[in-house]
Protein backbone atom coordinates (compact mmCIF):
# COMPACT_ATOMS: atom_id res chain seq x y z
CA MET A 1 79.79 -46.93 1.39
CA SER A 2 82.57 -47.27 4.19
CA ALA A 3 86.00 -47.64 3.14
CA GLU A 4 85.86 -51.75 4.05
CA THR A 5 83.56 -52.08 1.10
CA LYS A 6 85.54 -50.22 -1.64
CA VAL A 7 86.73 -52.26 -4.32
CA LEU A 8 89.88 -52.23 -6.16
CA GLU A 9 89.47 -52.53 -9.80
CA SER A 10 92.11 -52.46 -12.75
CA TRP A 11 92.06 -51.56 -16.70
CA VAL A 12 94.76 -52.21 -18.98
CA LEU A 13 94.86 -49.12 -21.03
CA ALA A 14 96.46 -48.98 -24.51
CA GLU A 15 97.23 -46.03 -27.06
CA PHE A 16 96.97 -46.79 -30.53
CA PRO A 17 98.55 -44.88 -33.69
CA SER A 18 95.68 -44.48 -35.47
CA PRO A 19 91.90 -45.29 -35.59
CA ASP A 20 92.43 -48.32 -38.48
CA VAL A 21 94.64 -50.05 -36.11
CA LEU A 22 92.51 -49.05 -32.90
CA VAL A 23 89.22 -50.69 -34.40
CA ALA A 24 91.42 -53.75 -35.71
CA ALA A 25 92.59 -54.28 -32.58
CA THR A 26 89.29 -53.82 -30.71
CA GLN A 27 87.66 -56.30 -33.31
CA GLN A 28 90.42 -59.02 -32.30
CA MET A 29 90.35 -58.54 -28.63
CA ARG A 30 86.85 -59.05 -28.50
CA GLU A 31 87.22 -62.10 -30.62
CA LYS A 32 89.33 -63.53 -28.12
CA GLY A 33 86.70 -63.38 -25.75
CA TYR A 34 87.43 -59.90 -24.17
CA GLU A 35 84.42 -57.69 -22.96
CA GLY A 36 83.57 -54.34 -21.38
CA MET A 37 86.39 -52.48 -23.32
CA ASP A 38 85.40 -49.33 -24.11
CA THR A 39 87.60 -47.09 -26.51
CA TYR A 40 88.35 -43.30 -26.60
CA SER A 41 88.89 -40.80 -29.44
CA PRO A 42 88.46 -37.08 -30.30
CA TYR A 43 85.96 -38.20 -32.77
CA PRO A 44 83.46 -40.91 -33.32
CA LEU A 45 85.52 -43.93 -34.96
CA HIS A 46 83.79 -45.43 -38.44
CA GLY A 47 83.14 -49.31 -37.45
CA GLY A 48 83.92 -48.45 -33.71
CA SER A 49 80.65 -49.96 -32.52
CA GLU A 50 80.93 -52.94 -34.57
CA ALA A 51 84.16 -53.79 -33.18
CA LEU A 52 83.07 -53.20 -29.81
CA GLY A 53 79.84 -55.63 -30.49
CA LEU A 54 77.35 -52.81 -29.20
CA PRO A 55 73.77 -53.85 -29.86
CA PRO A 56 71.53 -51.45 -32.32
CA SER A 57 71.04 -47.99 -30.95
CA ARG A 58 67.66 -47.63 -28.93
CA VAL A 59 67.46 -43.92 -29.82
CA PRO A 60 65.10 -44.08 -32.64
CA PHE A 61 62.45 -46.36 -30.59
CA ILE A 62 62.86 -43.35 -27.88
CA ALA A 63 62.21 -40.50 -30.47
CA LEU A 64 59.31 -42.42 -31.70
CA GLY A 65 57.81 -42.72 -27.94
CA GLY A 66 58.66 -39.08 -27.35
CA ALA A 67 56.93 -38.36 -30.92
CA LEU A 68 54.10 -40.19 -30.08
CA THR A 69 53.29 -38.61 -26.45
CA GLY A 70 53.65 -35.36 -27.88
CA ILE A 71 51.20 -36.30 -30.48
CA ILE A 72 48.45 -38.03 -28.39
CA THR A 73 49.39 -35.07 -25.40
CA ALA A 74 48.64 -32.41 -28.39
CA ILE A 75 45.57 -34.15 -29.62
CA SER A 76 43.98 -34.50 -26.34
CA PHE A 77 44.49 -31.25 -25.11
CA GLN A 78 43.23 -29.63 -28.14
CA ALA A 79 40.24 -31.80 -28.06
CA TYR A 80 39.16 -30.96 -24.19
CA MET A 81 39.74 -27.62 -24.65
CA ASN A 82 38.39 -26.36 -28.02
CA GLY A 83 35.88 -29.15 -27.88
CA LEU A 84 34.74 -29.80 -24.17
CA ASP A 85 35.67 -27.02 -21.87
CA TYR A 86 35.19 -23.84 -24.37
CA PRO A 87 33.77 -24.57 -27.70
CA LEU A 88 33.72 -21.49 -30.13
CA ASN A 89 32.22 -21.49 -33.60
CA VAL A 90 34.81 -19.81 -35.58
CA GLY A 91 34.32 -19.42 -39.18
CA GLY A 92 31.80 -22.37 -39.38
CA ARG A 93 34.30 -25.31 -38.38
CA PRO A 94 33.57 -28.18 -36.63
CA VAL A 95 34.08 -27.94 -32.99
CA LEU A 96 36.64 -30.98 -33.05
CA SER A 97 38.59 -30.25 -36.08
CA ILE A 98 41.64 -32.19 -36.55
CA PRO A 99 43.44 -30.32 -39.54
CA ALA A 100 43.21 -27.19 -37.52
CA TYR A 101 45.39 -29.48 -34.61
CA VAL A 102 47.83 -29.80 -37.03
CA PRO A 103 50.39 -27.27 -36.14
CA ILE A 104 50.67 -27.48 -32.84
CA THR A 105 50.55 -31.69 -32.65
CA PHE A 106 53.90 -31.68 -35.05
CA GLU A 107 55.21 -29.15 -32.94
CA LEU A 108 54.70 -30.92 -29.64
CA ALA A 109 56.11 -33.96 -31.42
CA VAL A 110 59.14 -32.85 -32.54
CA LEU A 111 59.74 -31.06 -29.15
CA LEU A 112 58.97 -34.18 -26.92
CA ALA A 113 61.14 -35.78 -29.12
CA ALA A 114 64.23 -33.65 -29.09
CA PHE A 115 63.64 -33.70 -25.32
CA GLY A 116 63.47 -37.31 -25.20
CA ILE A 117 66.48 -38.22 -27.55
CA PHE A 118 68.66 -35.53 -25.28
CA PHE A 119 67.81 -37.43 -21.88
CA GLY A 120 67.84 -40.65 -23.53
CA LEU A 121 71.22 -40.25 -24.95
CA LEU A 122 72.57 -39.12 -21.14
CA GLY A 123 70.87 -41.99 -19.81
CA LEU A 124 72.66 -44.59 -22.49
CA SER A 125 76.00 -43.18 -22.28
CA ARG A 126 76.04 -42.80 -18.43
CA LEU A 127 76.56 -39.51 -18.82
CA PRO A 128 77.80 -37.52 -16.86
CA GLN A 129 80.85 -39.17 -15.82
CA PRO A 130 83.11 -37.04 -14.12
CA TYR A 131 85.08 -39.48 -13.07
CA HIS A 132 86.94 -42.83 -14.35
CA PRO A 133 89.89 -44.12 -12.88
CA VAL A 134 91.43 -44.43 -16.49
CA PHE A 135 91.16 -40.30 -16.34
CA GLU A 136 93.83 -40.13 -14.07
CA SER A 137 96.61 -41.35 -16.29
CA GLU A 138 98.73 -38.52 -17.85
CA GLU A 139 99.03 -40.25 -20.88
CA PHE A 140 95.65 -40.37 -21.65
CA ARG A 141 94.82 -36.70 -21.74
CA SER A 142 95.52 -37.23 -25.46
CA ALA A 143 92.22 -38.86 -25.80
CA SER A 144 90.55 -35.42 -26.53
CA THR A 145 93.26 -34.19 -29.13
CA HIS A 146 94.95 -36.64 -31.02
CA GLY A 147 94.94 -40.25 -29.27
CA TYR A 148 93.53 -43.65 -29.99
CA TRP A 149 92.86 -45.59 -26.84
CA LEU A 150 91.47 -48.99 -25.78
CA SER A 151 90.41 -50.07 -21.92
CA ILE A 152 89.92 -53.65 -20.82
CA PRO A 153 88.49 -53.90 -17.39
CA LYS A 154 90.84 -56.99 -16.17
CA ALA A 155 88.42 -57.74 -13.04
CA LEU A 156 85.88 -59.22 -16.13
CA THR A 157 89.03 -61.28 -17.36
CA THR A 158 90.85 -64.33 -16.07
CA ALA A 159 94.15 -63.64 -17.96
CA LYS A 160 97.09 -61.77 -16.04
CA ALA A 161 97.49 -57.97 -16.98
CA GLU A 162 100.78 -58.90 -18.52
CA ASP A 163 99.26 -61.19 -20.89
CA ILE A 164 96.65 -58.33 -21.60
CA MET A 165 99.54 -56.22 -22.18
CA ASP A 166 101.58 -58.31 -24.47
CA GLN A 167 98.78 -58.80 -27.07
CA LEU A 168 97.69 -55.36 -26.95
CA LYS A 169 101.63 -54.55 -27.71
CA ALA A 170 101.30 -57.48 -30.87
CA LEU A 171 98.46 -55.33 -32.37
CA GLY A 172 100.19 -52.30 -32.89
CA ALA A 173 99.38 -50.58 -29.58
CA THR A 174 102.18 -47.49 -28.82
CA HIS A 175 101.90 -46.90 -25.03
CA VAL A 176 100.08 -49.89 -22.62
CA THR A 177 99.75 -49.39 -18.87
CA VAL A 178 97.69 -50.64 -16.48
CA VAL A 179 95.30 -48.12 -14.00
CA THR A 180 93.91 -49.24 -10.64
CA GLY A 181 90.94 -47.49 -9.24
CA GLU A 182 88.17 -47.97 -6.16
CA LYS A 183 84.97 -49.01 -7.05
CA GLU A 184 81.99 -48.09 -4.47
């Protein structure tokens, strides 16, 4: 995009002293109508997904799809290869012997389910995300070691940044700032 089409967006970024305070503040801000929030912490937070109002995980369905694809692929390949393309009578077993297909079918189901989960999580998490304007804040570097942060996109709200900052301070934020960045 050209320089004329870039849009400036801003986020209110707040640090909290503990994970419990962060989760409680996130829940209260969501109840006030703020959407598009995101939390940052060095480890997963108990209750963080519920506080953000995230939908139930789609990962089990992705795993099921990968496993079923593996099962169908393995059985169809083995049935074609052993029953139609090059049938051999080994030890008197039938040409199409489903019990003989179990080990490869299981392995391919596990393999494709694992690949599905890996790439599905990358897609659902919008990763890799090498850059986000909140990463530019010097204080935000603590998010990977000991900080608990909440970001609220200002573009999605009608409230002024000062109002959001005051609400976050009232909820226990120790450091609140506004970060501005370009979105193409």
